[in-house]
Protein backbone atom coordinates (compact mmCIF):
# COMPACT_ATOMS: atom_id res chain seq x y z
CA MET A 1 84.80 185.76 102.42
CA ALA A 2 84.66 187.85 105.63
CA ASP A 3 87.40 188.82 107.43
CA PHE A 4 87.80 188.11 110.90
CA GLU A 5 90.10 189.92 113.41
CA SER A 6 90.24 187.18 116.25
CA PRO A 7 89.63 183.67 116.90
CA GLU A 8 86.54 184.78 118.74
CA ASP A 9 85.03 186.33 115.59
CA ILE A 10 85.53 182.79 114.10
CA LEU A 11 83.59 181.43 116.68
CA LYS A 12 80.87 183.87 116.65
CA SER A 13 80.28 183.15 112.62
CA VAL A 14 76.99 181.86 111.66
CA GLN A 15 78.56 179.25 109.59
CA VAL A 16 81.02 177.81 112.44
CA GLN A 17 78.19 177.74 114.64
CA ARG A 18 76.07 175.56 112.06
CA TRP A 19 78.96 173.29 111.69
CA LEU A 20 79.41 172.81 115.71
CA LYS A 21 75.67 171.97 115.92
CA GLY A 22 75.87 169.34 113.32
CA LEU A 23 78.86 167.77 114.73
CA PRO A 24 77.31 165.37 117.25
CA ALA A 25 75.17 163.80 114.71
CA ILE A 26 78.30 163.49 112.54
CA ILE A 27 79.93 161.58 115.35
CA VAL A 28 76.81 159.20 115.81
CA LEU A 29 76.71 158.50 112.31
CA VAL A 30 80.49 157.55 112.37
CA LEU A 31 79.83 155.59 115.38
CA LEU A 32 77.06 153.67 113.86
CA LEU A 33 78.77 153.16 110.67
CA ALA A 34 81.95 151.85 112.61
CA ALA A 35 79.58 149.41 114.82
CA ALA A 36 78.03 148.02 111.86
CA LEU A 37 81.45 147.41 109.78
CA THR A 38 82.39 145.65 112.88
CA SER A 39 79.39 143.60 113.91
CA PHE A 40 79.98 140.85 111.25
CA TYR A 41 82.97 138.40 110.61
CA SER A 42 83.18 135.26 108.27
CA ILE A 43 84.64 132.39 109.37
CA GLY A 44 85.96 129.82 106.53
CA PRO A 45 85.03 126.47 105.79
CA ASP A 46 88.37 125.07 107.01
CA GLU A 47 88.86 127.32 110.01
CA ALA A 48 87.15 127.80 113.52
CA GLY A 49 86.76 131.32 115.18
CA VAL A 50 87.92 132.26 118.59
CA ILE A 51 86.20 135.23 120.07
CA LEU A 52 87.90 137.14 122.68
CA ARG A 53 85.86 140.10 124.44
CA PHE A 54 88.27 142.48 126.13
CA GLY A 55 91.19 140.10 125.46
CA LYS A 56 89.61 137.22 127.27
CA TYR A 57 88.33 133.94 125.53
CA VAL A 58 84.44 133.71 125.42
CA ARG A 59 83.48 131.07 122.60
CA THR A 60 84.25 129.48 119.57
CA THR A 61 82.34 129.69 116.34
CA THR A 62 82.14 127.47 113.45
CA PRO A 63 82.65 128.23 109.58
CA GLY A 64 79.76 130.67 108.43
CA LEU A 65 78.77 134.19 108.89
CA HIS A 66 78.21 135.57 112.66
CA MET A 67 77.74 138.58 114.97
CA LYS A 68 79.97 139.76 117.52
CA ILE A 69 79.74 142.95 119.68
CA PRO A 70 81.42 145.52 117.71
CA LEU A 71 83.65 148.58 118.17
CA LEU A 72 86.78 146.20 119.14
CA VAL A 73 84.65 145.20 122.18
CA GLU A 74 84.78 141.84 120.82
CA ARG A 75 87.62 140.21 118.30
CA ALA A 76 87.54 137.11 116.52
CA ILE A 77 90.73 135.42 115.78
CA PRO A 78 90.35 132.40 112.64
CA ILE A 79 92.28 129.55 113.32
CA LYS A 80 92.68 126.98 110.42
CA VAL A 81 91.62 123.47 112.02
CA LYS A 82 91.31 121.59 109.23
CA ARG A 83 94.69 122.66 107.26
CA ILE A 84 97.65 120.03 107.46
CA PHE A 85 100.74 122.02 108.10
CA LYS A 86 104.47 120.86 107.71
CA GLU A 87 107.54 121.51 109.46
CA GLU A 88 110.99 120.71 107.81
CA PHE A 89 114.03 119.60 109.66
CA GLY A 90 117.83 119.69 108.06
CA PHE A 91 116.50 121.09 104.82
CA ARG A 92 114.02 123.59 103.28
CA ALA A 93 111.86 122.83 100.28
CA GLU A 94 111.30 125.37 97.99
CA ALA A 95 108.02 126.76 96.95
CA GLN A 96 107.94 126.57 93.17
CA GLY A 97 109.07 122.87 93.01
CA ALA A 98 110.29 119.64 94.21
CA ARG A 99 114.01 120.78 94.71
CA GLN A 100 115.38 121.70 98.19
CA THR A 101 117.94 123.85 99.43
CA ARG A 102 121.45 123.22 100.42
CA SER A 103 121.29 121.57 104.10
CA ASP A 104 124.60 123.04 105.07
CA PHE A 105 122.78 126.11 106.49
CA TYR A 106 120.53 123.49 108.52
CA ARG A 107 123.62 120.74 109.54
CA ASP A 108 122.93 121.94 113.13
CA GLU A 109 119.34 120.46 112.69
CA SER A 110 120.42 117.08 110.84
CA LEU A 111 123.46 116.15 112.72
CA MET A 112 122.58 113.24 114.99
CA LEU A 113 124.62 111.04 117.05
CA THR A 114 123.58 106.72 116.96
CA GLY A 115 123.45 104.58 119.64
CA ASP A 116 126.99 103.14 118.65
CA LEU A 117 128.55 106.72 118.58
CA ASN A 118 128.19 107.35 114.66
CA VAL A 119 127.39 110.16 113.29
CA LEU A 120 124.23 110.56 110.67
CA GLU A 121 122.59 113.75 108.80
CA ILE A 122 119.29 112.86 109.28
CA ARG A 123 116.41 114.90 107.35
CA TRP A 124 112.60 114.81 108.26
CA ILE A 125 109.17 116.26 108.04
CA VAL A 126 106.55 116.59 110.98
CA GLN A 127 103.21 117.31 109.86
CA PHE A 128 100.53 118.35 111.93
CA GLN A 129 96.82 119.60 112.88
CA ILE A 130 95.59 122.62 115.26
CA LYS A 131 92.95 119.98 117.19
CA ASP A 132 92.11 122.73 119.79
CA PRO A 133 92.40 126.18 118.75
CA VAL A 134 91.96 127.96 122.16
CA GLN A 135 94.64 125.64 123.91
CA PHE A 136 96.92 126.36 120.49
CA LEU A 137 96.41 130.28 121.04
CA PHE A 138 96.96 130.40 125.00
CA ARG A 139 98.88 127.47 126.30
CA VAL A 140 101.90 128.02 124.39
CA ARG A 141 103.68 131.24 123.64
CA ASP A 142 105.35 130.44 120.64
CA GLN A 143 103.84 127.49 118.91
CA ARG A 144 106.08 126.95 115.94
CA GLU A 145 109.17 127.05 117.61
CA THR A 146 108.01 125.13 120.59
CA LEU A 147 106.91 122.36 117.82
CA ARG A 148 110.31 122.35 116.45
CA ASP A 149 112.45 122.27 119.62
CA ILE A 150 110.39 119.33 120.94
CA SER A 151 110.86 117.40 117.37
CA GLU A 152 114.44 117.93 117.49
CA ALA A 153 114.99 116.80 120.84
CA VAL A 154 112.73 113.88 120.32
CA MET A 155 114.58 112.50 117.00
CA ARG A 156 117.83 112.97 118.41
CA ARG A 157 116.64 110.61 121.64
CA VAL A 158 114.96 108.11 119.49
CA THR A 159 118.07 108.21 116.65
CA GLY A 160 120.41 107.37 119.85
CA ASP A 161 118.81 103.96 120.59
CA TYR A 162 119.68 102.69 117.49
CA SER A 163 122.77 101.60 115.38
CA VAL A 164 123.89 103.45 112.44
CA ASP A 165 122.92 100.48 110.03
CA GLU A 166 119.53 100.21 111.46
CA VAL A 167 119.00 103.77 111.28
CA LEU A 168 120.15 103.66 107.53
CA THR A 169 118.04 100.46 106.62
CA ILE A 170 115.71 98.32 108.29
CA LYS A 171 114.67 100.65 111.36
CA ARG A 172 113.45 103.90 109.56
CA ALA A 173 109.61 103.14 109.96
CA GLU A 174 110.10 101.94 113.43
CA ILE A 175 111.83 105.27 114.47
CA ASP A 176 109.03 107.33 112.56
CA VAL A 177 106.48 105.54 114.66
CA GLN A 178 108.28 105.93 117.96
CA ALA A 179 109.24 109.61 117.37
CA GLN A 180 105.80 110.47 116.36
CA GLU A 181 104.08 108.77 119.41
CA GLU A 182 106.90 110.85 121.71
CA LEU A 183 106.22 113.77 120.02
CA GLN A 184 102.57 113.63 120.94
CA ARG A 185 102.73 112.45 124.16
CA ILE A 186 105.00 115.49 124.97
CA LEU A 187 102.86 118.30 123.24
CA ASP A 188 99.38 116.70 124.96
CA SER A 189 101.26 117.13 128.34
CA TYR A 190 101.91 120.64 127.11
CA GLY A 191 98.10 121.40 126.26
CA ALA A 192 99.66 122.55 122.91
CA GLY A 193 96.29 121.87 120.99
CA VAL A 194 97.97 120.13 117.99
CA GLN A 195 97.50 116.93 116.56
CA ILE A 196 100.77 115.02 115.13
CA VAL A 197 99.52 113.28 111.53
CA THR A 198 102.76 112.10 110.52
CA VAL A 199 106.68 112.08 111.08
CA LYS A 200 108.77 110.80 108.15
CA LEU A 201 112.38 110.37 107.48
CA GLN A 202 113.16 111.93 104.21
CA ASP A 203 116.85 111.36 103.96
CA VAL A 204 119.33 109.75 106.07
CA THR A 205 123.13 109.99 104.82
CA PRO A 206 126.66 109.99 106.66
CA PRO A 207 128.60 113.00 106.61
CA GLU A 208 130.44 114.32 103.57
CA ARG A 209 133.78 113.20 105.44
CA VAL A 210 133.21 109.80 106.25
CA GLN A 211 131.25 109.18 103.01
CA PRO A 212 133.86 106.94 101.15
CA ALA A 213 134.29 104.80 104.71
CA PHE A 214 130.64 104.46 104.45
CA ASN A 215 130.67 103.50 100.70
CA GLU A 216 133.34 100.67 101.31
CA VAL A 217 131.34 99.53 103.81
CA ASN A 218 127.95 99.38 101.68
CA GLU A 219 130.09 97.72 98.77
CA ALA A 220 131.25 94.63 101.18
CA LYS A 221 127.80 94.20 102.50
CA GLN A 222 126.72 94.30 98.89
CA GLU A 223 129.50 91.76 98.19
CA LYS A 224 128.21 89.74 101.23
CA GLU A 225 124.69 89.50 100.08
CA ARG A 226 125.65 88.75 96.56
CA THR A 227 127.68 85.72 97.73
CA ILE A 228 125.19 84.62 99.85
CA ASN A 229 122.47 84.71 96.79
CA GLN A 230 125.22 82.68 94.59
CA ALA A 231 125.19 79.91 97.66
CA TRP A 232 121.80 80.06 97.77
CA GLU A 233 121.21 79.61 93.95
CA ALA A 234 123.73 76.79 93.86
CA TYR A 235 121.89 75.17 97.17
CA ASN A 236 118.15 75.86 95.08
CA LYS A 237 119.65 73.91 92.32
CA VAL A 238 121.59 70.74 94.09
CA ILE A 239 119.28 70.08 96.99
CA PRO A 240 115.90 69.94 95.39
CA ARG A 241 117.17 67.52 92.41
CA ALA A 242 118.90 65.55 95.22
CA LYS A 243 115.56 65.55 97.51
CA GLY A 244 113.87 64.63 94.17
CA GLU A 245 115.78 61.62 93.52
CA ALA A 246 115.65 60.39 97.22
CA GLU A 247 112.10 60.87 97.07
CA LYS A 248 112.03 58.42 93.56
CA THR A 249 114.49 55.84 95.24
CA ILE A 250 111.92 55.97 98.25
CA ARG A 251 108.88 55.57 96.13
CA GLU A 252 110.75 52.88 93.86
CA ALA A 253 111.14 50.87 97.17
CA GLU A 254 107.79 51.37 98.61
CA GLY A 255 106.65 50.23 95.13
CA TYR A 256 109.05 47.18 95.25
CA ALA A 257 107.89 46.12 98.79
CA VAL A 258 104.50 46.44 98.00
CA ASP A 259 104.65 44.49 95.00
CA VAL A 260 106.72 41.55 96.94
CA VAL A 261 104.37 41.66 99.69
CA ASN A 262 101.38 41.26 97.21
CA ARG A 263 102.92 38.42 95.26
CA ALA A 264 103.90 36.48 98.78
CA LYS A 265 100.35 37.26 99.79
CA GLY A 266 99.16 35.27 96.34
CA GLU A 267 101.54 32.51 96.87
CA ALA A 268 100.04 31.61 100.21
CA GLN A 269 96.59 31.99 99.20
CA ARG A 270 97.48 29.79 96.05
CA PHE A 271 99.04 27.56 98.98
CA LEU A 272 96.16 27.35 100.91
CA ALA A 273 93.75 26.89 98.34
CA THR A 274 95.91 23.93 96.96
CA TRP A 275 96.25 22.39 100.45
CA GLU A 276 92.41 22.81 100.68
CA ALA A 277 92.03 20.61 97.47
CA TYR A 278 94.26 17.96 98.50
CA ARG A 279 92.49 17.78 101.82
CA GLN A 280 89.17 17.15 99.96
CA ALA A 281 90.98 14.77 97.27
CA PRO A 282 94.87 13.78 97.65
CA GLU A 283 95.07 11.78 94.57
CA VAL A 284 93.48 13.92 92.16
CA THR A 285 95.51 16.83 93.76
CA ARG A 286 99.02 14.82 93.70
CA LYS A 287 98.25 13.85 90.12
CA ARG A 288 97.63 17.71 89.14
CA LEU A 289 100.59 18.42 91.17
CA TYR A 290 102.76 15.91 89.52
CA LEU A 291 101.47 17.00 85.62
CA ASP A 292 101.99 20.77 86.50
CA ALA A 293 105.57 20.16 87.57
CA MET A 294 106.47 17.72 84.66
CA ALA A 295 104.77 20.45 82.27
CA GLN A 296 107.25 22.85 83.97
CA VAL A 297 110.44 20.86 83.44
CA LEU A 298 109.69 19.18 80.16
CA ALA A 299 108.98 22.84 78.73
CA THR A 300 112.78 23.35 79.42
CA SER A 301 114.19 20.36 78.16
CA LYS A 302 116.00 20.25 74.55
CA GLN A 303 115.55 16.58 73.92
CA LYS A 304 112.74 14.00 75.55
CA TYR A 305 113.14 10.42 75.44
CA ILE A 306 109.93 8.33 76.42
CA ILE A 307 111.31 4.94 77.75
CA ASP A 308 109.21 1.75 78.23
CA PRO A 309 109.62 0.67 82.27
CA SER A 310 110.24 -2.67 81.09
CA GLN A 311 113.61 -1.92 78.78
CA GLN A 312 116.48 -3.43 81.10
CA ALA A 313 119.18 -1.72 78.54
CA LEU A 314 118.87 1.89 77.97
CA LEU A 315 122.61 2.52 76.44
CA PRO A 316 121.61 0.94 72.90
CA PHE A 317 119.50 3.67 72.03
CA LEU A 318 121.30 6.72 73.34
CA GLN A 319 123.13 8.45 70.17
CA LEU A 320 126.25 9.28 72.08
CA GLN A 321 128.63 12.09 70.29
CA LYS A 322 132.22 13.04 71.07
CA GLY A 323 132.20 14.94 73.96
CA GLY A 324 129.28 13.26 75.86
CA ALA A 325 125.59 13.19 75.14
CA GLU A 326 123.51 16.00 74.32
């Protein structure tokens, strides 16, 4: 190794001069390599690429391999536009299972005031997608916090329009729909580029301090429902049977009426036929009527006496017994 007495000697050395002559080529090679490495970018199948040129938006690209101006002139930001994101309010689900962390730490989010001035702990989720990546990146500064703040405000306002019983029981689905529509309307007015997929109430419970009172109210309601059901059960046993019996009586009366009317019509037809026969042959018809009447009378008689019309005294022929003649 050569000895150098001063820096000038080093600069004047042959090796250093050769190295300095090759430095531009090394720089050019490094720049070419950096340009090659930064000219390509890949966008995933569930993503959209937002391209910025010196920090300004220029275009949006689809999934796949693309080229851009290298050396940090253009920058590609992948945005997952097909993934469904979820925000939780009043609780946090653990990543490894269905268990949930304690809601005590998130009570500021979950405590709600209902329309009848009762307090409830409401836990819900919001699922959303990014429908416009450009608006999502540049129209709202902090997208997640903005979404959470708006969702919390909307849920408090919607809950305040219902009573505590409605929120606990029959109006939960209606609250979901109303909160989703209002949240979407506000986000659209902000140009947030977010599409709300669903808003779903997960758990609605009274605070721990008033839990016993709510339990008593629920027990009273259950007792009321049980009494009503028992009354309906007794009603369903008695009323249908009574209706059946009434229907049976009505049908029997209708059948009797039809029978009487038909009989009357038959008698009237028979009388008309007899009258027509009598009109055509009075003597024959009169005799036939007489014979029919006698047949009916004699059929009911126990003893029959045939008397000669010329007989003057009837008593000697009758066998009189004590107590009268039979």
